Amino acid sequence: MEPNKPGNKNVPDFKELNDRIIREASQSPRLVIKTNLDAKNVNDENPYTDRINSEGFSDFFEE
């Protein structure tokens, strides 16, 4: 009996995809919750803004 190989044969293997960036998993668990009470700008009322690269910091929180 042959092993079951589900999926579409026309779709390339996941390891062959080169049109996207796939990041490694984080070393620590992370839970991010966005509510309607959050500030529109991540720099507002944030005590860490002055210590962190603001462009990278903002990009991290953008949708």
Protein backbone atom coordinates (compact mmCIF):
# COMPACT_ATOMS: atom_id res chain seq x y z
CA MET A 1 0.00 0.00 0.00
CA GLU A 2 1.42 3.41 -1.00
CA PRO A 3 1.60 6.27 1.54
CA ASN A 4 -1.15 8.86 1.32
CA LYS A 5 0.09 12.14 -0.23
CA PRO A 6 -2.75 14.66 0.15
CA GLY A 7 -2.72 18.07 -1.48
CA ASN A 8 -2.64 19.61 -4.91
CA LYS A 9 0.16 18.30 -7.16
CA ASN A 10 0.27 21.66 -9.04
CA VAL A 11 1.29 23.59 -5.92
CA PRO A 12 5.06 23.68 -5.23
CA ASP A 13 6.47 22.12 -2.09
CA PHE A 14 6.59 24.49 0.88
CA LYS A 15 10.41 24.30 0.99
CA GLU A 16 10.62 25.44 -2.66
CA LEU A 17 8.73 28.70 -2.13
CA ASN A 18 11.00 31.72 -2.62
CA ASP A 19 8.52 34.56 -3.05
CA ARG A 20 8.03 35.25 0.67
CA ILE A 21 9.96 35.68 3.87
CA ILE A 22 9.35 33.11 6.56
CA ARG A 23 10.75 34.05 9.95
CA GLU A 24 12.00 31.63 12.52
CA ALA A 25 9.76 31.00 15.50
CA SER A 26 10.21 33.25 18.52
CA GLN A 27 12.22 31.89 21.42
CA SER A 28 9.62 33.10 23.91
CA PRO A 29 5.83 32.88 23.87
CA ARG A 30 3.99 36.01 22.84
CA LEU A 31 0.40 37.11 23.13
CA VAL A 32 -0.69 40.29 21.36
CA ILE A 33 -4.19 41.64 21.87
CA LYS A 34 -5.45 44.77 20.14
CA THR A 35 -8.53 46.50 21.51
CA ASN A 36 -10.51 49.60 20.66
CA LEU A 37 -8.87 51.28 23.69
CA ASP A 38 -5.38 51.09 22.15
CA ALA A 39 -3.82 54.31 20.90
CA LYS A 40 -3.82 54.79 17.11
CA ASN A 41 -0.10 55.61 17.24
CA VAL A 42 2.10 53.06 19.05
CA ASN A 43 4.40 55.86 20.24
CA ASP A 44 1.65 57.57 22.26
CA GLU A 45 1.86 56.88 26.01
CA ASN A 46 4.56 54.25 25.49
CA PRO A 47 7.46 54.32 28.00
CA TYR A 48 9.77 52.27 25.72
CA THR A 49 9.63 54.54 22.67
CA ASP A 50 12.70 56.59 23.58
CA ARG A 51 14.87 53.47 24.07
CA ILE A 52 13.93 51.59 20.90
CA ASN A 53 14.41 52.27 17.17
CA SER A 54 11.15 54.04 16.42
CA GLU A 55 10.83 52.87 12.78
CA GLY A 56 11.31 49.19 13.62
CA PHE A 57 9.17 49.57 16.71
CA SER A 58 6.31 51.06 14.68
CA ASP A 59 6.65 48.44 11.93
CA PHE A 60 6.34 45.65 14.48
CA PHE A 61 2.94 46.88 15.65
CA GLU A 62 1.50 47.75 12.23
CA GLU A 63 -1.09 45.37 10.80
